[in-house]
Amino acid sequence: MQARRRRTSALERGRSGGPRACRTDRSRRRDNPDYDGRRGHYGAWAEPGVSLNKVTIRDVAELAQVSQSTVSNYFHKPRKLSDVTRERIRQAVETLGFVPNDAARMLRTGASPVIGYVAFELASATTPQIATAIEQHVAAEGMYLLMANDTGSRQREREYLQLFEQQRVAGIIIAPVGDVEDELARLRQRGIASVLSARRAFSPFQASASIDHVTGARLAVQHLVGLGRRRIGFVASSLDLQQIADRQRGALSVIEKVPDATLELISVPERTVEAGLACAERLARRDAADRPDALFCANDLLAIGIIQSLVAGRRVRVPEDIAVVGYDDIEFAQSTIVPLTTVRTPHAQLGAAAVKLLFDEISALRDPEGAEAGRTAPRIEFAPELVVRDSTSGT
């Protein structure tokens, strides 16, 4: 009977140069300027025609003297390990040139380490705060964030959802431009969880983390009306965005209760400082009796641009002639030439809540009972608050 040949591990083959390695092969590799002798068969460079030995997680565990599950935690849940253990595994990974195969892991476990995030305004002053909070909480779970910017395009938004589906991400957080709830419902049926960010879901089966923009607008306009302002201008763009439409609706709910008050929609092409500057120049050219005595802006960037232009032009005083209220309370709102009264919205908390909801949804989909049709999805809605500064109070 033939004796069984003992299987040699990749680690042993790496140490010995491989069972079939010969002096000629080794010499040829040493003469190759791309060959790194410290990495042997495991290096990132190889001579054409020379195959690389396959390094497995078992080999890394053997060299680091830990279990295979500990090596897995190093890549996917590193916070579970001590600094000493992480360093030992890191050295083993570097020595062997090991690269984890997430595709193989997905096939084996059905779980992806990636979360997809679609933002509709990457250049917005608030998106970085939300995205940072999302990234921090995703990383705390040992996972990774892929962020996409749809640039306000519904078509691009759909394309990114399709891309994330093809990549089989574990879940998706999306601040949508259009109505994507039907598409997200289809993805749920395929095992991909999702959360709407910054917009309240209409479907009871769709999770969402949002801000009550109707209440936020109501606070702003009630403040202006309380100061005796009656000709209110709402400076905004993209009323087809639910978040902006909600602010207009909140403003109107106040105006409708004040008989002599009016709300004028002042359209701008975008919600930027530059658009605010241009808007203020147009308003300043109007007769005093024909222009608003207060402005409620859809965001702080517009309000900052308006204040800068009016103060620099010296024809219209802020707040004596026109009081200005912004929305979001970004970092620069209190340091403008006239500190800005604004509606504060909790962006970091919104991002953190979206991640928590998403992981809850992922767990529910993996639970046969939680994945049942008809399960009501959770919703979180944050309440904004008014922050009064000099652009309305004049103090």
Protein backbone atom coordinates (compact mmCIF):
# COMPACT_ATOMS: atom_id res chain seq x y z
CA MET A 1 0.00 0.00 0.00
CA GLN A 2 1.31 3.37 -0.90
CA ALA A 3 1.97 5.71 1.99
CA ARG A 4 -0.21 8.77 1.97
CA ARG A 5 1.58 11.96 1.13
CA ARG A 6 1.25 14.52 3.91
CA ARG A 7 -0.43 17.76 2.72
CA THR A 8 1.94 20.68 3.03
CA SER A 9 0.48 23.99 4.09
CA ALA A 10 1.06 27.21 2.24
CA LEU A 11 3.09 28.39 5.21
CA GLU A 12 5.47 25.41 4.93
CA ARG A 13 5.72 25.80 1.18
CA GLY A 14 6.54 29.46 1.69
CA ARG A 15 9.34 28.63 4.11
CA SER A 16 10.86 25.94 1.93
CA GLY A 17 10.35 27.54 -1.43
CA GLY A 18 7.74 24.90 -2.33
CA PRO A 19 8.02 21.14 -2.88
CA ARG A 20 8.79 21.58 -6.57
CA ALA A 21 11.07 24.57 -6.29
CA CYS A 22 14.54 24.02 -7.71
CA ARG A 23 17.79 25.91 -7.49
CA THR A 24 17.42 27.18 -11.06
CA ASP A 25 13.94 28.58 -10.35
CA ARG A 26 15.08 30.28 -7.16
CA SER A 27 18.13 31.77 -8.85
CA ARG A 28 16.03 33.07 -11.71
CA ARG A 29 13.65 34.73 -9.27
CA ARG A 30 16.51 36.34 -7.33
CA ASP A 31 17.83 37.79 -10.59
CA ASN A 32 14.41 39.30 -11.33
CA PRO A 33 14.40 42.97 -10.13
CA ASP A 34 10.67 42.65 -9.28
CA TYR A 35 11.22 39.75 -6.89
CA ASP A 36 11.22 40.54 -3.16
CA GLY A 37 13.09 37.80 -1.34
CA ARG A 38 11.52 38.73 1.97
CA ARG A 39 8.06 37.92 0.60
CA GLY A 40 8.98 34.78 -1.38
CA HIS A 41 5.99 33.22 -3.10
CA TYR A 42 3.68 35.52 -1.18
CA GLY A 43 4.80 38.83 -2.64
CA ALA A 44 2.66 41.08 -4.82
CA TRP A 45 5.08 40.69 -7.75
CA ALA A 46 5.76 37.52 -9.70
CA GLU A 47 7.76 36.53 -12.74
CA PRO A 48 5.51 35.72 -15.70
CA GLY A 49 4.68 32.02 -15.67
CA VAL A 50 5.51 31.57 -11.99
CA SER A 51 2.33 30.83 -10.00
CA LEU A 52 1.78 32.18 -6.51
CA ASN A 53 1.06 29.78 -3.65
CA LYS A 54 -2.32 30.34 -2.05
CA VAL A 55 -2.09 31.73 1.48
CA THR A 56 -5.09 30.96 3.65
CA ILE A 57 -6.47 32.38 6.87
CA ARG A 58 -5.26 29.16 8.50
CA ASP A 59 -1.66 30.01 7.59
CA VAL A 60 -2.00 33.49 9.10
CA ALA A 61 -3.48 32.02 12.28
CA GLU A 62 -0.63 29.48 12.50
CA LEU A 63 2.08 32.09 12.13
CA ALA A 64 0.40 34.54 14.54
CA GLN A 65 -0.38 31.69 16.97
CA VAL A 66 -4.08 32.57 17.21
CA SER A 67 -7.31 30.95 16.10
CA GLN A 68 -8.78 31.42 12.64
CA SER A 69 -11.78 33.21 14.14
CA THR A 70 -9.39 35.70 15.76
CA VAL A 71 -7.84 36.43 12.36
CA SER A 72 -11.35 36.92 10.96
CA ASN A 73 -12.10 39.40 13.74
CA TYR A 74 -8.89 41.26 12.87
CA PHE A 75 -10.36 42.11 9.46
CA HIS A 76 -14.03 42.48 10.34
CA LYS A 77 -14.31 43.31 14.05
CA PRO A 78 -10.85 44.60 15.07
CA ARG A 79 -12.13 46.34 18.20
CA LYS A 80 -12.72 42.93 19.76
CA LEU A 81 -8.96 42.28 19.84
CA SER A 82 -6.24 43.64 22.07
CA ASP A 83 -3.51 45.85 20.64
CA VAL A 84 -0.95 43.07 21.15
CA THR A 85 -3.05 40.52 19.26
CA ARG A 86 -3.79 42.94 16.40
CA GLU A 87 -0.10 43.69 16.00
CA ARG A 88 0.84 40.01 15.96
CA ILE A 89 -1.74 39.29 13.27
CA ARG A 90 -0.70 42.37 11.29
CA GLN A 91 2.89 41.15 11.19
CA ALA A 92 1.77 37.69 10.06
CA VAL A 93 -0.41 39.17 7.33
CA GLU A 94 2.46 41.33 6.10
CA THR A 95 4.95 38.49 6.19
CA LEU A 96 2.72 36.16 4.20
CA GLY A 97 1.26 38.83 1.92
CA PHE A 98 -2.24 37.62 2.79
CA VAL A 99 -5.21 39.42 1.20
CA PRO A 100 -8.68 38.49 2.51
CA ASN A 101 -11.14 37.36 -0.14
CA ASP A 102 -14.41 39.13 0.66
CA ALA A 103 -16.07 37.61 -2.37
CA ALA A 104 -15.36 34.15 -1.02
CA ARG A 105 -16.55 35.22 2.41
CA MET A 106 -19.82 36.43 0.93
CA LEU A 107 -20.34 33.12 -0.85
CA ARG A 108 -19.60 31.21 2.33
CA THR A 109 -21.54 33.30 4.86
CA GLY A 110 -23.95 35.28 2.68
CA ALA A 111 -22.81 38.45 4.47
CA SER A 112 -21.11 41.48 2.90
CA PRO A 113 -18.89 43.81 4.96
CA VAL A 114 -20.01 46.83 2.90
CA ILE A 115 -22.73 49.43 3.45
CA GLY A 116 -23.77 51.71 0.57
CA TYR A 117 -24.66 55.38 1.10
CA VAL A 118 -26.25 57.57 -1.59
CA ALA A 119 -26.22 61.33 -0.95
CA PHE A 120 -28.00 63.83 -3.18
CA GLU A 121 -25.86 66.86 -2.31
CA LEU A 122 -22.25 65.96 -1.60
CA ALA A 123 -21.30 69.67 -1.68
CA SER A 124 -23.95 70.55 0.88
CA ALA A 125 -22.71 71.99 4.15
CA THR A 126 -24.64 69.33 6.07
CA THR A 127 -23.81 66.17 4.11
CA PRO A 128 -20.23 65.86 5.47
CA GLN A 129 -21.53 65.84 9.05
CA ILE A 130 -24.09 63.16 8.27
CA ALA A 131 -21.59 61.10 6.25
CA THR A 132 -18.94 61.32 8.98
CA ALA A 133 -21.37 60.05 11.59
CA ILE A 134 -22.43 57.20 9.30
CA GLU A 135 -18.82 56.22 8.58
CA GLN A 136 -17.86 56.25 12.26
CA HIS A 137 -20.73 54.00 13.29
CA VAL A 138 -20.28 51.64 10.32
CA ALA A 139 -16.57 51.32 11.13
CA ALA A 140 -17.41 50.57 14.77
CA GLU A 141 -19.20 47.46 13.51
CA GLY A 142 -16.09 46.38 11.60
CA MET A 143 -17.66 47.20 8.25
CA TYR A 144 -16.94 49.60 5.39
CA LEU A 145 -18.84 52.46 3.74
CA LEU A 146 -19.11 53.09 0.01
CA MET A 147 -20.44 56.60 -0.63
CA ALA A 148 -22.05 57.76 -3.87
CA ASN A 149 -23.16 61.23 -4.98
CA ASP A 150 -26.12 61.26 -7.35
CA THR A 151 -25.69 65.03 -8.01
CA GLY A 152 -29.44 65.52 -7.78
CA SER A 153 -30.13 63.15 -10.69
CA ARG A 154 -32.93 60.61 -10.32
CA GLN A 155 -31.39 58.52 -13.09
CA ARG A 156 -28.01 58.49 -11.36
CA GLU A 157 -29.74 57.61 -8.11
CA ARG A 158 -31.35 54.53 -9.67
CA GLU A 159 -28.04 53.53 -11.24
CA TYR A 160 -26.28 53.61 -7.88
CA LEU A 161 -29.02 51.49 -6.31
CA GLN A 162 -28.54 48.98 -9.12
CA LEU A 163 -24.77 49.05 -8.61
CA PHE A 164 -25.11 48.41 -4.87
CA GLU A 165 -27.47 45.55 -5.64
CA GLN A 166 -24.94 44.03 -8.03
CA GLN A 167 -22.24 44.38 -5.38
CA ARG A 168 -24.53 42.66 -2.87
CA VAL A 169 -23.94 45.23 -0.14
CA ALA A 170 -25.30 44.38 3.30
CA GLY A 171 -27.52 47.46 3.35
CA ILE A 172 -28.18 50.90 1.88
CA ILE A 173 -28.68 54.34 3.42
CA ILE A 174 -30.08 56.85 0.95
CA ALA A 175 -31.02 60.54 1.08
CA PRO A 176 -33.23 60.39 -1.99
CA VAL A 177 -33.95 62.89 -4.71
CA GLY A 178 -36.92 61.01 -6.10
CA ASP A 179 -39.36 58.39 -4.91
CA VAL A 180 -37.30 55.25 -4.40
CA GLU A 181 -39.47 53.33 -1.95
CA ASP A 182 -40.74 50.83 -4.53
CA GLU A 183 -37.17 50.10 -5.58
CA LEU A 184 -36.08 49.70 -1.95
CA ALA A 185 -39.00 47.32 -1.36
CA ARG A 186 -37.76 45.19 -4.27
CA LEU A 187 -34.25 45.18 -2.79
CA ARG A 188 -35.63 44.06 0.57
CA GLN A 189 -37.18 41.07 -1.16
CA ARG A 190 -33.69 40.26 -2.43
CA GLY A 191 -32.23 40.48 1.07
CA ILE A 192 -30.80 44.02 1.03
CA ALA A 193 -31.95 46.23 3.90
CA SER A 194 -32.33 50.00 3.55
CA VAL A 195 -33.01 53.22 5.45
CA LEU A 196 -34.20 56.58 4.12
CA SER A 197 -32.11 59.42 5.52
CA ALA A 198 -33.39 63.01 5.98
CA ARG A 199 -36.81 62.08 4.61
CA ARG A 200 -39.72 60.39 6.35
CA ALA A 201 -40.85 57.20 4.63
CA PHE A 202 -44.39 56.96 3.26
CA SER A 203 -44.56 53.16 3.31
CA PRO A 204 -45.04 51.60 6.77
CA PHE A 205 -42.58 48.89 5.73
CA GLN A 206 -39.71 51.31 4.99
CA ALA A 207 -37.37 52.41 7.80
CA SER A 208 -36.39 56.08 7.91
CA ALA A 209 -34.47 58.63 9.97
CA SER A 210 -35.64 62.16 9.28
CA ILE A 211 -36.13 65.69 10.59
CA ASP A 212 -39.51 67.35 11.05
CA HIS A 213 -38.98 70.10 8.47
CA VAL A 214 -42.60 71.26 8.64
CA THR A 215 -42.12 72.12 12.32
CA GLY A 216 -38.72 73.68 11.60
CA ALA A 217 -40.23 76.05 9.03
CA ARG A 218 -43.12 76.82 11.32
CA LEU A 219 -40.71 77.89 14.08
CA ALA A 220 -38.86 80.20 11.69
CA VAL A 221 -41.93 81.95 10.29
CA GLN A 222 -43.67 82.21 13.66
CA HIS A 223 -40.57 84.01 14.89
CA LEU A 224 -40.68 86.49 11.98
CA VAL A 225 -44.41 87.11 12.32
CA GLY A 226 -43.94 87.62 16.05
CA LEU A 227 -41.48 90.41 15.24
CA GLY A 228 -44.18 92.18 13.22
CA ARG A 229 -42.94 91.10 9.77
CA ARG A 230 -45.73 90.52 7.29
CA ARG A 231 -44.16 90.31 3.82
CA ILE A 232 -42.22 87.05 4.12
CA GLY A 233 -40.08 85.73 1.28
CA PHE A 234 -39.25 82.01 1.08
CA VAL A 235 -35.93 81.64 -0.77
CA ALA A 236 -35.57 78.14 -2.17
CA SER A 237 -34.87 75.86 -5.10
CA SER A 238 -35.96 72.31 -5.98
CA LEU A 239 -39.45 72.33 -4.49
CA ASP A 240 -39.81 68.79 -5.85
CA LEU A 241 -37.46 67.71 -3.04
CA GLN A 242 -39.64 66.54 -0.17
CA GLN A 243 -37.45 68.26 2.42
CA ILE A 244 -37.84 71.67 0.72
CA ALA A 245 -41.55 71.17 0.03
CA ASP A 246 -42.06 70.40 3.73
CA ARG A 247 -40.41 73.71 4.68
CA GLN A 248 -42.70 75.61 2.33
CA ARG A 249 -45.70 73.78 3.77
CA GLY A 250 -44.65 74.66 7.32
CA ALA A 251 -44.22 78.32 6.38
CA LEU A 252 -47.64 78.45 4.71
CA SER A 253 -49.31 76.90 7.76
CA VAL A 254 -48.28 79.98 9.75
CA ILE A 255 -49.05 82.58 7.08
CA GLU A 256 -52.57 81.22 6.57
CA LYS A 257 -53.41 82.08 10.19
CA VAL A 258 -52.25 85.72 9.95
CA PRO A 259 -54.74 87.74 7.84
CA ASP A 260 -52.35 90.48 6.68
CA ALA A 261 -49.30 88.22 6.12
CA THR A 262 -48.09 86.97 2.73
CA LEU A 263 -45.53 84.41 1.59
CA GLU A 264 -43.63 85.05 -1.63
CA LEU A 265 -41.70 82.21 -3.23
CA ILE A 266 -38.33 83.54 -4.37
CA SER A 267 -36.77 80.93 -6.63
CA VAL A 268 -33.01 80.44 -6.94
CA PRO A 269 -31.17 77.97 -9.20
CA GLU A 270 -29.27 76.31 -6.35
CA ARG A 271 -28.86 76.48 -2.59
CA THR A 272 -25.41 78.10 -2.41
CA VAL A 273 -23.78 81.27 -1.14
CA GLU A 274 -23.39 82.45 -4.74
CA ALA A 275 -27.12 82.02 -5.36
CA GLY A 276 -27.81 84.00 -2.18
CA LEU A 277 -25.57 86.85 -3.35
CA ALA A 278 -27.39 87.07 -6.67
CA CYS A 279 -30.79 86.90 -4.97
CA ALA A 280 -29.95 89.78 -2.63
CA GLU A 281 -28.83 91.97 -5.54
CA ARG A 282 -32.19 91.48 -7.21
CA LEU A 283 -34.10 92.26 -4.01
CA ALA A 284 -32.06 95.39 -3.34
CA ARG A 285 -33.13 96.82 -6.71
CA ARG A 286 -36.80 96.61 -5.77
CA ASP A 287 -38.71 99.51 -4.23
CA ALA A 288 -38.85 99.26 -0.45
CA ALA A 289 -42.63 98.80 -0.48
CA ASP A 290 -42.37 96.01 -3.05
CA ARG A 291 -39.74 93.83 -1.41
CA PRO A 292 -40.13 91.45 1.56
CA ASP A 293 -39.45 92.69 5.07
CA ALA A 294 -38.25 89.21 6.08
CA LEU A 295 -36.66 86.23 4.37
CA PHE A 296 -36.85 82.58 5.33
CA CYS A 297 -34.11 80.74 3.43
CA ALA A 298 -34.14 77.04 2.63
CA ASN A 299 -30.63 76.69 4.05
CA ASP A 300 -27.89 78.67 5.75
CA LEU A 301 -25.71 79.04 2.65
CA LEU A 302 -28.40 81.05 0.89
CA ALA A 303 -28.95 83.19 3.99
CA ILE A 304 -25.23 83.88 4.40
CA GLY A 305 -24.93 84.99 0.77
CA ILE A 306 -27.95 87.30 1.13
CA ILE A 307 -26.62 88.92 4.31
CA GLN A 308 -23.16 89.45 2.81
CA SER A 309 -24.58 91.14 -0.28
CA LEU A 310 -27.07 93.37 1.58
CA VAL A 311 -24.53 94.52 4.16
CA ALA A 312 -21.88 95.20 1.52
CA GLY A 313 -24.34 97.16 -0.65
CA ARG A 314 -25.41 99.35 2.27
CA ARG A 315 -28.79 100.05 0.67
CA VAL A 316 -30.75 97.55 2.73
CA ARG A 317 -30.12 97.01 6.43
CA VAL A 318 -30.20 93.64 8.20
CA PRO A 319 -32.36 93.20 10.22
CA GLU A 320 -33.96 96.68 10.27
CA ASP A 321 -35.17 96.55 6.65
CA ILE A 322 -35.05 92.81 6.03
CA ALA A 323 -34.80 90.15 8.76
CA VAL A 324 -33.14 86.93 7.63
CA VAL A 325 -33.58 83.36 8.91
CA GLY A 326 -31.57 80.39 7.65
CA TYR A 327 -31.93 76.64 8.08
CA ASP A 328 -29.51 73.96 9.42
CA ASP A 329 -27.26 76.00 11.79
CA ILE A 330 -24.02 75.13 10.04
CA GLU A 331 -20.64 75.96 11.56
CA PHE A 332 -20.39 79.43 9.98
CA ALA A 333 -23.91 80.60 10.83
CA GLN A 334 -22.88 82.36 14.04
CA SER A 335 -19.71 83.92 12.61
CA THR A 336 -21.14 85.78 9.61
CA ILE A 337 -20.91 89.58 9.42
CA VAL A 338 -24.38 89.60 11.00
CA PRO A 339 -24.78 86.41 13.06
CA LEU A 340 -27.53 84.33 11.52
CA THR A 341 -30.81 83.33 13.14
CA THR A 342 -31.46 79.80 11.97
CA VAL A 343 -33.22 76.49 12.54
CA ARG A 344 -30.85 73.97 14.08
CA THR A 345 -31.09 70.40 12.81
CA PRO A 346 -29.15 67.49 14.39
CA HIS A 347 -27.10 66.15 11.48
CA ALA A 348 -24.67 63.92 13.40
CA GLN A 349 -27.53 62.37 15.36
CA LEU A 350 -29.40 61.79 12.11
CA GLY A 351 -26.46 59.87 10.62
CA ALA A 352 -25.98 57.80 13.77
CA ALA A 353 -29.69 56.96 13.92
CA ALA A 354 -29.72 55.90 10.25
CA VAL A 355 -26.90 53.42 10.88
CA LYS A 356 -28.57 51.98 13.97
CA LEU A 357 -31.83 51.53 12.08
CA LEU A 358 -30.00 49.90 9.18
CA PHE A 359 -28.27 47.30 11.34
CA ASP A 360 -31.61 46.57 13.01
CA GLU A 361 -33.13 46.09 9.55
CA ILE A 362 -30.27 43.84 8.46
CA SER A 363 -30.81 41.66 11.54
CA ALA A 364 -34.56 41.57 10.91
CA LEU A 365 -34.07 40.40 7.32
CA ARG A 366 -31.79 37.60 8.46
CA ASP A 367 -34.33 36.53 11.07
CA PRO A 368 -37.03 34.35 9.44
CA GLU A 369 -39.69 35.81 11.74
CA GLY A 370 -38.52 39.42 11.24
CA ALA A 371 -38.45 39.00 7.47
CA GLU A 372 -42.16 38.24 7.32
CA ALA A 373 -44.21 40.43 4.99
CA GLY A 374 -46.23 43.03 6.85
CA ARG A 375 -43.59 43.88 9.45
CA THR A 376 -43.83 47.56 10.30
CA ALA A 377 -40.46 49.28 9.97
CA PRO A 378 -39.22 51.73 12.60
CA ARG A 379 -39.04 55.47 11.97
CA ILE A 380 -37.12 58.14 13.85
CA GLU A 381 -37.94 61.82 13.43
CA PHE A 382 -35.87 64.54 15.07
CA ALA A 383 -37.34 67.85 16.22
CA PRO A 384 -35.48 71.01 15.10
CA GLU A 385 -35.05 74.11 17.24
CA LEU A 386 -34.86 77.84 16.54
CA VAL A 387 -31.60 79.65 17.35
CA VAL A 388 -32.12 83.44 17.49
CA ARG A 389 -29.20 85.72 16.58
CA ASP A 390 -28.66 89.24 15.25
CA SER A 391 -30.03 88.76 11.73
CA THR A 392 -33.55 89.03 13.18
CA SER A 393 -33.16 90.43 16.69
CA GLY A 394 -30.80 93.28 15.83
CA THR A 395 -29.10 93.06 19.24
